[in-house]
Amino acid sequence: MITAICQADCVVLIIDSTTDSFEAGIFKDGQIRDRTLLAFTLGGKQMICCCNKVSFTDIFLC
């Protein structure tokens, strides 16, 4: 993974958008923050963020 990030022109970050998974990943020790920091540290200056599981039906907006 580290070799691939060093040679990449762009980094693609796929985020699980279900409530519990997103919150767990974005907190201080979450994988989203770790992967983003790792990609930036290794020279990834452009990032594409994709949201996965957007059609999850167990979300209450009201």
C-alpha atoms as a PDB file:
ATOM      1  CA  MET A   1       0.000   0.000   0.000  1.00  0.00           C
ATOM      2  CA  ILE A   2       2.761   2.470   0.873  1.00  0.00           C
ATOM      3  CA  THR A   3       4.618   1.898  -2.406  1.00  0.00           C
ATOM      4  CA  ALA A   4       1.416   2.439  -4.373  1.00  0.00           C
ATOM      5  CA  ILE A   5       0.642   5.716  -2.575  1.00  0.00           C
ATOM      6  CA  CYS A   6       4.152   7.042  -3.205  1.00  0.00           C
ATOM      7  CA  GLN A   7       3.787   6.491  -6.955  1.00  0.00           C
ATOM      8  CA  ALA A   8       0.159   7.608  -7.346  1.00  0.00           C
ATOM      9  CA  ASP A   9      -0.923  10.833  -9.031  1.00  0.00           C
ATOM     10  CA  CYS A  10      -4.199  10.866  -7.131  1.00  0.00           C
ATOM     11  CA  VAL A  11      -5.560   9.083  -4.055  1.00  0.00           C
ATOM     12  CA  VAL A  12      -9.090   7.616  -3.937  1.00  0.00           C
ATOM     13  CA  LEU A  13     -10.671   7.438  -0.479  1.00  0.00           C
ATOM     14  CA  ILE A  14     -13.859   5.373  -0.199  1.00  0.00           C
ATOM     15  CA  ILE A  15     -15.899   6.226   2.893  1.00  0.00           C
ATOM     16  CA  ASP A  16     -18.655   4.082   4.405  1.00  0.00           C
ATOM     17  CA  SER A  17     -21.477   6.585   4.853  1.00  0.00           C
ATOM     18  CA  THR A  18     -23.596   4.603   7.314  1.00  0.00           C
ATOM     19  CA  THR A  19     -23.871   6.520  10.574  1.00  0.00           C
ATOM     20  CA  ASP A  20     -21.912   4.247  12.920  1.00  0.00           C
ATOM     21  CA  SER A  21     -19.150   3.413  10.438  1.00  0.00           C
ATOM     22  CA  PHE A  22     -18.579   7.015   9.374  1.00  0.00           C
ATOM     23  CA  GLU A  23     -18.419   8.289  12.949  1.00  0.00           C
ATOM     24  CA  ALA A  24     -16.025   5.505  13.968  1.00  0.00           C
ATOM     25  CA  GLY A  25     -13.760   6.275  11.020  1.00  0.00           C
ATOM     26  CA  ILE A  26     -13.643  10.053  11.413  1.00  0.00           C
ATOM     27  CA  PHE A  27     -12.872  10.163  15.150  1.00  0.00           C
ATOM     28  CA  LYS A  28      -9.313  10.823  16.337  1.00  0.00           C
ATOM     29  CA  ASP A  29      -8.055   7.239  15.965  1.00  0.00           C
ATOM     30  CA  GLY A  30     -10.299   6.273  13.049  1.00  0.00           C
ATOM     31  CA  GLN A  31      -9.110   4.741   9.794  1.00  0.00           C
ATOM     32  CA  ILE A  32     -10.394   7.614   7.640  1.00  0.00           C
ATOM     33  CA  ARG A  33      -8.121  10.077   9.408  1.00  0.00           C
ATOM     34  CA  ASP A  34      -5.200   7.631   9.429  1.00  0.00           C
ATOM     35  CA  ARG A  35      -5.446   6.862   5.709  1.00  0.00           C
ATOM     36  CA  THR A  36      -5.860  10.540   4.801  1.00  0.00           C
ATOM     37  CA  LEU A  37      -2.823  11.582   6.840  1.00  0.00           C
ATOM     38  CA  LEU A  38      -0.765   8.694   5.447  1.00  0.00           C
ATOM     39  CA  ALA A  39      -1.639   9.614   1.861  1.00  0.00           C
ATOM     40  CA  PHE A  40      -0.760  13.287   2.416  1.00  0.00           C
ATOM     41  CA  THR A  41       2.496  12.445   4.196  1.00  0.00           C
ATOM     42  CA  LEU A  42       3.593  10.181   1.351  1.00  0.00           C
ATOM     43  CA  GLY A  43       3.005  12.855  -1.273  1.00  0.00           C
ATOM     44  CA  GLY A  44      -0.632  12.464  -2.281  1.00  0.00           C
ATOM     45  CA  LYS A  45      -1.750  16.022  -3.025  1.00  0.00           C
ATOM     46  CA  GLN A  46      -5.002  15.245  -4.862  1.00  0.00           C
ATOM     47  CA  MET A  47      -7.759  13.132  -3.328  1.00  0.00           C
ATOM     48  CA  ILE A  48     -11.070  11.845  -4.618  1.00  0.00           C
ATOM     49  CA  CYS A  49     -13.544  11.043  -1.824  1.00  0.00           C
ATOM     50  CA  CYS A  50     -16.303   8.546  -2.661  1.00  0.00           C
ATOM     51  CA  CYS A  51     -19.228   7.762  -0.369  1.00  0.00           C
ATOM     52  CA  ASN A  52     -20.264   4.116  -0.247  1.00  0.00           C
ATOM     53  CA  LYS A  53     -23.605   2.764   1.049  1.00  0.00           C
ATOM     54  CA  VAL A  54     -25.477   6.021   0.409  1.00  0.00           C
ATOM     55  CA  SER A  55     -28.697   4.092  -0.227  1.00  0.00           C
ATOM     56  CA  PHE A  56     -28.687   2.652   3.296  1.00  0.00           C
ATOM     57  CA  THR A  57     -32.317   2.895   4.464  1.00  0.00           C
ATOM     58  CA  ASP A  58     -31.838   2.931   8.232  1.00  0.00           C
ATOM     59  CA  ILE A  59     -31.191   6.687   8.395  1.00  0.00           C
ATOM     60  CA  PHE A  60     -33.640   8.971  10.180  1.00  0.00           C
ATOM     61  CA  LEU A  61     -33.489  12.577   9.012  1.00  0.00           C
ATOM     62  CA  CYS A  62     -36.442  13.910  11.032  1.00  0.00           C
END
